[in-house]
Amino acid sequence: MAIGFVLMTTHPGQEATVREALANVDLVTDHWMLFGEYDLIARVQADEEYALTRCIVEEIRQLPGVRETKTLIGAEL
């Protein structure tokens, strides 16, 4: 199982729009609004890392209103 957290900065005033769009991304299991450097964080979970990274690159980063992302991928040691 692959799990990642995507920190997002949105264009001004687009926080709610991006948050609503995240609810429609299949691999996003939860998401929260933030205060501080980032506007939103999303938890993404997939059976394999390839599906996880593909979702982040092809779906989340392409959402209208997303300006910048930073992804943290969990590692199993």
PDB file of N, CA and C in Angstrom:
ATOM      1  N   MET A   1       0.842  -1.177   0.000  1.00  0.00           N
ATOM      2  CA  MET A   1       0.000   0.000   0.000  1.00  0.00           C
ATOM      3  C   MET A   1       0.887   1.240   0.000  1.00  0.00           C
ATOM      4  N   ALA A   2       0.498   2.234  -0.762  1.00  0.00           N
ATOM      5  CA  ALA A   2       1.230   3.492  -0.845  1.00  0.00           C
ATOM      6  C   ALA A   2       0.358   4.621  -0.302  1.00  0.00           C
ATOM      7  N   ILE A   3       0.968   5.454   0.524  1.00  0.00           N
ATOM      8  CA  ILE A   3       0.256   6.588   1.112  1.00  0.00           C
ATOM      9  C   ILE A   3       1.102   7.838   0.928  1.00  0.00           C
ATOM     10  N   GLY A   4       0.439   8.920   0.554  1.00  0.00           N
ATOM     11  CA  GLY A   4       1.121  10.191   0.408  1.00  0.00           C
ATOM     12  C   GLY A   4       0.266  11.324   0.943  1.00  0.00           C
ATOM     13  N   PHE A   5       0.921  12.410   1.259  1.00  0.00           N
ATOM     14  CA  PHE A   5       0.242  13.629   1.678  1.00  0.00           C
ATOM     15  C   PHE A   5       0.661  14.731   0.725  1.00  0.00           C
ATOM     16  N   VAL A   6      -0.312  15.433   0.172  1.00  0.00           N
ATOM     17  CA  VAL A   6      -0.040  16.496  -0.780  1.00  0.00           C
ATOM     18  C   VAL A   6      -0.410  17.825  -0.142  1.00  0.00           C
ATOM     19  N   LEU A   7       0.589  18.667   0.058  1.00  0.00           N
ATOM     20  CA  LEU A   7       0.381  20.020   0.551  1.00  0.00           C
ATOM     21  C   LEU A   7       0.160  20.918  -0.654  1.00  0.00           C
ATOM     22  N   MET A   8      -0.856  21.767  -0.604  1.00  0.00           N
ATOM     23  CA  MET A   8      -1.199  22.603  -1.751  1.00  0.00           C
ATOM     24  C   MET A   8      -1.303  24.068  -1.387  1.00  0.00           C
ATOM     25  N   THR A   9      -0.819  24.885  -2.297  1.00  0.00           N
ATOM     26  CA  THR A   9      -1.041  26.318  -2.263  1.00  0.00           C
ATOM     27  C   THR A   9      -1.967  26.613  -3.430  1.00  0.00           C
ATOM     28  N   THR A  10      -3.008  27.388  -3.181  1.00  0.00           N
ATOM     29  CA  THR A  10      -3.973  27.701  -4.229  1.00  0.00           C
ATOM     30  C   THR A  10      -3.821  29.152  -4.679  1.00  0.00           C
ATOM     31  N   HIS A  11      -4.433  29.455  -5.796  1.00  0.00           N
ATOM     32  CA  HIS A  11      -4.519  30.852  -6.204  1.00  0.00           C
ATOM     33  C   HIS A  11      -5.460  31.553  -5.221  1.00  0.00           C
ATOM     34  N   PRO A  12      -5.270  32.829  -4.967  1.00  0.00           N
ATOM     35  CA  PRO A  12      -6.112  33.535  -3.986  1.00  0.00           C
ATOM     36  C   PRO A  12      -7.609  33.338  -4.245  1.00  0.00           C
ATOM     37  N   GLY A  13      -8.314  32.982  -3.179  1.00  0.00           N
ATOM     38  CA  GLY A  13      -9.757  32.797  -3.253  1.00  0.00           C
ATOM     39  C   GLY A  13     -10.213  31.458  -3.808  1.00  0.00           C
ATOM     40  N   GLN A  14      -9.283  30.555  -4.140  1.00  0.00           N
ATOM     41  CA  GLN A  14      -9.640  29.271  -4.746  1.00  0.00           C
ATOM     42  C   GLN A  14      -9.624  28.090  -3.771  1.00  0.00           C
ATOM     43  N   GLU A  15      -9.418  28.369  -2.504  1.00  0.00           N
ATOM     44  CA  GLU A  15      -9.310  27.294  -1.518  1.00  0.00           C
ATOM     45  C   GLU A  15     -10.543  26.396  -1.494  1.00  0.00           C
ATOM     46  N   ALA A  16     -11.716  26.976  -1.436  1.00  0.00           N
ATOM     47  CA  ALA A  16     -12.950  26.189  -1.357  1.00  0.00           C
ATOM     48  C   ALA A  16     -13.198  25.401  -2.644  1.00  0.00           C
ATOM     49  N   THR A  17     -12.881  25.992  -3.779  1.00  0.00           N
ATOM     50  CA  THR A  17     -13.062  25.311  -5.062  1.00  0.00           C
ATOM     51  C   THR A  17     -12.168  24.081  -5.154  1.00  0.00           C
ATOM     52  N   VAL A  18     -10.920  24.224  -4.758  1.00  0.00           N
ATOM     53  CA  VAL A  18      -9.988  23.092  -4.792  1.00  0.00           C
ATOM     54  C   VAL A  18     -10.422  22.035  -3.790  1.00  0.00           C
ATOM     55  N   ARG A  19     -10.844  22.465  -2.622  1.00  0.00           N
ATOM     56  CA  ARG A  19     -11.299  21.507  -1.599  1.00  0.00           C
ATOM     57  C   ARG A  19     -12.477  20.679  -2.105  1.00  0.00           C
ATOM     58  N   GLU A  20     -13.424  21.312  -2.768  1.00  0.00           N
ATOM     59  CA  GLU A  20     -14.574  20.590  -3.327  1.00  0.00           C
ATOM     60  C   GLU A  20     -14.131  19.626  -4.420  1.00  0.00           C
ATOM     61  N   ALA A  21     -13.182  20.038  -5.236  1.00  0.00           N
ATOM     62  CA  ALA A  21     -12.696  19.176  -6.323  1.00  0.00           C
ATOM     63  C   ALA A  21     -11.959  17.959  -5.778  1.00  0.00           C
ATOM     64  N   LEU A  22     -11.257  18.105  -4.665  1.00  0.00           N
ATOM     65  CA  LEU A  22     -10.546  16.973  -4.071  1.00  0.00           C
ATOM     66  C   LEU A  22     -11.496  15.853  -3.672  1.00  0.00           C
ATOM     67  N   ALA A  23     -12.711  16.202  -3.304  1.00  0.00           N
ATOM     68  CA  ALA A  23     -13.700  15.200  -2.910  1.00  0.00           C
ATOM     69  C   ALA A  23     -14.059  14.268  -4.071  1.00  0.00           C
ATOM     70  N   ASN A  24     -13.775  14.690  -5.303  1.00  0.00           N
ATOM     71  CA  ASN A  24     -14.094  13.887  -6.475  1.00  0.00           C
ATOM     72  C   ASN A  24     -12.907  13.095  -7.020  1.00  0.00           C
ATOM     73  N   VAL A  25     -11.764  13.169  -6.358  1.00  0.00           N
ATOM     74  CA  VAL A  25     -10.585  12.399  -6.779  1.00  0.00           C
ATOM     75  C   VAL A  25     -10.622  11.077  -6.024  1.00  0.00           C
ATOM     76  N   ASP A  26     -10.701   9.980  -6.762  1.00  0.00           N
ATOM     77  CA  ASP A  26     -10.915   8.655  -6.166  1.00  0.00           C
ATOM     78  C   ASP A  26      -9.904   8.263  -5.090  1.00  0.00           C
ATOM     79  N   LEU A  27      -8.632   8.528  -5.293  1.00  0.00           N
ATOM     80  CA  LEU A  27      -7.613   8.066  -4.351  1.00  0.00           C
ATOM     81  C   LEU A  27      -7.405   8.992  -3.154  1.00  0.00           C
ATOM     82  N   VAL A  28      -8.075  10.137  -3.140  1.00  0.00           N
ATOM     83  CA  VAL A  28      -7.991  11.038  -1.978  1.00  0.00           C
ATOM     84  C   VAL A  28      -8.910  10.486  -0.900  1.00  0.00           C
ATOM     85  N   THR A  29      -8.308  10.087   0.221  1.00  0.00           N
ATOM     86  CA  THR A  29      -9.101   9.490   1.305  1.00  0.00           C
ATOM     87  C   THR A  29      -9.543  10.514   2.337  1.00  0.00           C
ATOM     88  N   ASP A  30      -8.864  11.669   2.377  1.00  0.00           N
ATOM     89  CA  ASP A  30      -9.260  12.739   3.287  1.00  0.00           C
ATOM     90  C   ASP A  30      -8.536  14.015   2.878  1.00  0.00           C
ATOM     91  N   HIS A  31      -9.071  15.149   3.290  1.00  0.00           N
ATOM     92  CA  HIS A  31      -8.429  16.423   2.982  1.00  0.00           C
ATOM     93  C   HIS A  31      -8.876  17.469   3.994  1.00  0.00           C
ATOM     94  N   TRP A  32      -7.982  18.445   4.232  1.00  0.00           N
ATOM     95  CA  TRP A  32      -8.229  19.462   5.235  1.00  0.00           C
ATOM     96  C   TRP A  32      -7.747  20.826   4.743  1.00  0.00           C
ATOM     97  N   MET A  33      -8.415  21.871   5.184  1.00  0.00           N
ATOM     98  CA  MET A  33      -7.947  23.240   4.977  1.00  0.00           C
ATOM     99  C   MET A  33      -6.871  23.502   6.035  1.00  0.00           C
ATOM    100  N   LEU A  34      -5.898  24.321   5.693  1.00  0.00           N
ATOM    101  CA  LEU A  34      -4.806  24.643   6.607  1.00  0.00           C
ATOM    102  C   LEU A  34      -4.671  26.146   6.772  1.00  0.00           C
ATOM    103  N   PHE A  35      -4.014  26.552   7.831  1.00  0.00           N
ATOM    104  CA  PHE A  35      -3.620  27.938   8.039  1.00  0.00           C
ATOM    105  C   PHE A  35      -2.093  27.959   8.020  1.00  0.00           C
ATOM    106  N   GLY A  36      -1.517  28.908   7.338  1.00  0.00           N
ATOM    107  CA  GLY A  36      -0.066  28.994   7.298  1.00  0.00           C
ATOM    108  C   GLY A  36       0.453  28.988   5.875  1.00  0.00           C
ATOM    109  N   GLU A  37       1.601  28.374   5.676  1.00  0.00           N
ATOM    110  CA  GLU A  37       2.273  28.374   4.375  1.00  0.00           C
ATOM    111  C   GLU A  37       1.456  27.685   3.286  1.00  0.00           C
ATOM    112  N   TYR A  38       0.714  26.642   3.634  1.00  0.00           N
ATOM    113  CA  TYR A  38      -0.091  25.894   2.673  1.00  0.00           C
ATOM    114  C   TYR A  38      -1.571  26.098   2.966  1.00  0.00           C
ATOM    115  N   ASP A  39      -2.387  25.961   1.931  1.00  0.00           N
ATOM    116  CA  ASP A  39      -3.830  26.172   2.065  1.00  0.00           C
ATOM    117  C   ASP A  39      -4.603  24.884   2.327  1.00  0.00           C
ATOM    118  N   LEU A  40      -4.125  23.765   1.765  1.00  0.00           N
ATOM    119  CA  LEU A  40      -4.826  22.480   1.882  1.00  0.00           C
ATOM    120  C   LEU A  40      -3.821  21.350   1.995  1.00  0.00           C
ATOM    121  N   ILE A  41      -4.281  20.243   2.584  1.00  0.00           N
ATOM    122  CA  ILE A  41      -3.515  19.005   2.586  1.00  0.00           C
ATOM    123  C   ILE A  41      -4.477  17.875   2.242  1.00  0.00           C
ATOM    124  N   ALA A  42      -4.004  16.948   1.418  1.00  0.00           N
ATOM    125  CA  ALA A  42      -4.822  15.795   1.034  1.00  0.00           C
ATOM    126  C   ALA A  42      -4.053  14.520   1.341  1.00  0.00           C
ATOM    127  N   ARG A  43      -4.748  13.538   1.878  1.00  0.00           N
ATOM    128  CA  ARG A  43      -4.180  12.202   2.088  1.00  0.00           C
ATOM    129  C   ARG A  43      -4.583  11.370   0.885  1.00  0.00           C
ATOM    130  N   VAL A  44      -3.605  10.751   0.248  1.00  0.00           N
ATOM    131  CA  VAL A  44      -3.842   9.958  -0.948  1.00  0.00           C
ATOM    132  C   VAL A  44      -3.370   8.538  -0.672  1.00  0.00           C
ATOM    133  N   GLN A  45      -4.191   7.549  -1.038  1.00  0.00           N
ATOM    134  CA  GLN A  45      -3.853   6.157  -0.766  1.00  0.00           C
ATOM    135  C   GLN A  45      -4.151   5.301  -1.984  1.00  0.00           C
ATOM    136  N   ALA A  46      -3.202   4.416  -2.323  1.00  0.00           N
ATOM    137  CA  ALA A  46      -3.367   3.524  -3.471  1.00  0.00           C
ATOM    138  C   ALA A  46      -2.723   2.180  -3.149  1.00  0.00           C
ATOM    139  N   ASP A  47      -3.043   1.187  -3.954  1.00  0.00           N
ATOM    140  CA  ASP A  47      -2.460  -0.139  -3.758  1.00  0.00           C
ATOM    141  C   ASP A  47      -0.978  -0.168  -4.117  1.00  0.00           C
ATOM    142  N   GLU A  48      -0.579   0.670  -5.054  1.00  0.00           N
ATOM    143  CA  GLU A  48       0.823   0.687  -5.475  1.00  0.00           C
ATOM    144  C   GLU A  48       1.291   2.128  -5.680  1.00  0.00           C
ATOM    145  N   GLU A  49       2.589   2.344  -5.569  1.00  0.00           N
ATOM    146  CA  GLU A  49       3.133   3.691  -5.656  1.00  0.00           C
ATOM    147  C   GLU A  49       2.905   4.319  -7.026  1.00  0.00           C
ATOM    148  N   TYR A  50       2.919   3.518  -8.079  1.00  0.00           N
ATOM    149  CA  TYR A  50       2.693   4.047  -9.425  1.00  0.00           C
ATOM    150  C   TYR A  50       1.330   4.738  -9.519  1.00  0.00           C
ATOM    151  N   ALA A  51       0.291   4.099  -9.004  1.00  0.00           N
ATOM    152  CA  ALA A  51      -1.057   4.677  -9.034  1.00  0.00           C
ATOM    153  C   ALA A  51      -1.119   5.945  -8.185  1.00  0.00           C
ATOM    154  N   LEU A  52      -0.414   5.929  -7.074  1.00  0.00           N
ATOM    155  CA  LEU A  52      -0.381   7.094  -6.186  1.00  0.00           C
ATOM    156  C   LEU A  52       0.236   8.293  -6.899  1.00  0.00           C
ATOM    157  N   THR A  53       1.430   8.107  -7.465  1.00  0.00           N
ATOM    158  CA  THR A  53       2.103   9.218  -8.125  1.00  0.00           C
ATOM    159  C   THR A  53       1.349   9.677  -9.362  1.00  0.00           C
ATOM    160  N   ARG A  54       0.745   8.760 -10.070  1.00  0.00           N
ATOM    161  CA  ARG A  54      -0.042   9.138 -11.246  1.00  0.00           C
ATOM    162  C   ARG A  54      -1.233  10.009 -10.852  1.00  0.00           C
ATOM    163  N   CYS A  55      -1.906   9.662  -9.774  1.00  0.00           N
ATOM    164  CA  CYS A  55      -3.026  10.457  -9.276  1.00  0.00           C
ATOM    165  C   CYS A  55      -2.568  11.861  -8.910  1.00  0.00           C
ATOM    166  N   ILE A  56      -1.435  11.956  -8.234  1.00  0.00           N
ATOM    167  CA  ILE A  56      -0.940  13.264  -7.807  1.00  0.00           C
ATOM    168  C   ILE A  56      -0.584  14.129  -9.017  1.00  0.00           C
ATOM    169  N   VAL A  57       0.155  13.559  -9.953  1.00  0.00           N
ATOM    170  CA  VAL A  57       0.627  14.327 -11.109  1.00  0.00           C
ATOM    171  C   VAL A  57      -0.496  14.634 -12.098  1.00  0.00           C
ATOM    172  N   GLU A  58      -1.327  13.642 -12.400  1.00  0.00           N
ATOM    173  CA  GLU A  58      -2.324  13.801 -13.459  1.00  0.00           C
ATOM    174  C   GLU A  58      -3.670  14.338 -12.990  1.00  0.00           C
ATOM    175  N   GLU A  59      -3.976  14.196 -11.710  1.00  0.00           N
ATOM    176  CA  GLU A  59      -5.277  14.659 -11.230  1.00  0.00           C
ATOM    177  C   GLU A  59      -5.160  15.845 -10.262  1.00  0.00           C
ATOM    178  N   ILE A  60      -4.477  15.649  -9.151  1.00  0.00           N
ATOM    179  CA  ILE A  60      -4.449  16.685  -8.120  1.00  0.00           C
ATOM    180  C   ILE A  60      -3.730  17.945  -8.606  1.00  0.00           C
ATOM    181  N   ARG A  61      -2.550  17.780  -9.183  1.00  0.00           N
ATOM    182  CA  ARG A  61      -1.794  18.958  -9.616  1.00  0.00           C
ATOM    183  C   ARG A  61      -2.462  19.694 -10.767  1.00  0.00           C
ATOM    184  N   GLN A  62      -3.386  19.039 -11.458  1.00  0.00           N
ATOM    185  CA  GLN A  62      -4.074  19.648 -12.595  1.00  0.00           C
ATOM    186  C   GLN A  62      -5.386  20.327 -12.210  1.00  0.00           C
ATOM    187  N   LEU A  63      -5.789  20.233 -10.952  1.00  0.00           N
ATOM    188  CA  LEU A  63      -7.051  20.841 -10.531  1.00  0.00           C
ATOM    189  C   LEU A  63      -7.007  22.357 -10.725  1.00  0.00           C
ATOM    190  N   PRO A  64      -8.059  22.927 -11.281  1.00  0.00           N
ATOM    191  CA  PRO A  64      -8.114  24.389 -11.410  1.00  0.00           C
ATOM    192  C   PRO A  64      -7.999  25.052 -10.034  1.00  0.00           C
ATOM    193  N   GLY A  65      -7.150  26.031  -9.930  1.00  0.00           N
ATOM    194  CA  GLY A  65      -6.969  26.750  -8.670  1.00  0.00           C
ATOM    195  C   GLY A  65      -5.725  26.339  -7.901  1.00  0.00           C
ATOM    196  N   VAL A  66      -5.136  25.177  -8.243  1.00  0.00           N
ATOM    197  CA  VAL A  66      -3.916  24.737  -7.565  1.00  0.00           C
ATOM    198  C   VAL A  66      -2.732  25.479  -8.172  1.00  0.00           C
ATOM    199  N   ARG A  67      -1.989  26.164  -7.324  1.00  0.00           N
ATOM    200  CA  ARG A  67      -0.831  26.929  -7.784  1.00  0.00           C
ATOM    201  C   ARG A  67       0.460  26.134  -7.623  1.00  0.00           C
ATOM    202  N   GLU A  68       0.584  25.439  -6.485  1.00  0.00           N
ATOM    203  CA  GLU A  68       1.829  24.732  -6.182  1.00  0.00           C
ATOM    204  C   GLU A  68       1.529  23.575  -5.238  1.00  0.00           C
ATOM    205  N   THR A  69       2.313  22.492  -5.357  1.00  0.00           N
ATOM    206  CA  THR A  69       2.144  21.353  -4.454  1.00  0.00           C
ATOM    207  C   THR A  69       3.497  20.916  -3.909  1.00  0.00           C
ATOM    208  N   LYS A  70       3.429  20.233  -2.786  1.00  0.00           N
ATOM    209  CA  LYS A  70       4.586  19.568  -2.200  1.00  0.00           C
ATOM    210  C   LYS A  70       4.075  18.221  -1.710  1.00  0.00           C
ATOM    211  N   THR A  71       4.716  17.149  -2.136  1.00  0.00           N
ATOM    212  CA  THR A  71       4.228  15.813  -1.817  1.00  0.00           C
ATOM    213  C   THR A  71       5.169  15.099  -0.867  1.00  0.00           C
ATOM    214  N   LEU A  72       4.590  14.478   0.139  1.00  0.00           N
ATOM    215  CA  LEU A  72       5.313  13.659   1.098  1.00  0.00           C
ATOM    216  C   LEU A  72       4.807  12.228   0.937  1.00  0.00           C
ATOM    217  N   ILE A  73       5.678  11.317   0.538  1.00  0.00           N
ATOM    218  CA  ILE A  73       5.276   9.928   0.339  1.00  0.00           C
ATOM    219  C   ILE A  73       5.812   9.102   1.504  1.00  0.00           C
ATOM    220  N   GLY A  74       4.919   8.337   2.118  1.00  0.00           N
ATOM    221  CA  GLY A  74       5.299   7.502   3.243  1.00  0.00           C
ATOM    222  C   GLY A  74       6.135   6.312   2.789  1.00  0.00           C
ATOM    223  N   ALA A  75       7.075   5.893   3.627  1.00  0.00           N
ATOM    224  CA  ALA A  75       7.934   4.758   3.312  1.00  0.00           C
ATOM    225  C   ALA A  75       7.738   3.656   4.347  1.00  0.00           C
ATOM    226  N   GLU A  76       7.699   2.440   3.863  1.00  0.00           N
ATOM    227  CA  GLU A  76       7.651   1.289   4.761  1.00  0.00           C
ATOM    228  C   GLU A  76       9.070   0.792   4.959  1.00  0.00           C
ATOM    229  N   LEU A  77       9.527   0.803   6.198  1.00  0.00           N
ATOM    230  CA  LEU A  77      10.887   0.370   6.482  1.00  0.00           C
ATOM    231  C   LEU A  77      10.892  -0.976   7.167  1.00  0.00           C
TER     232      LEU A  77
END
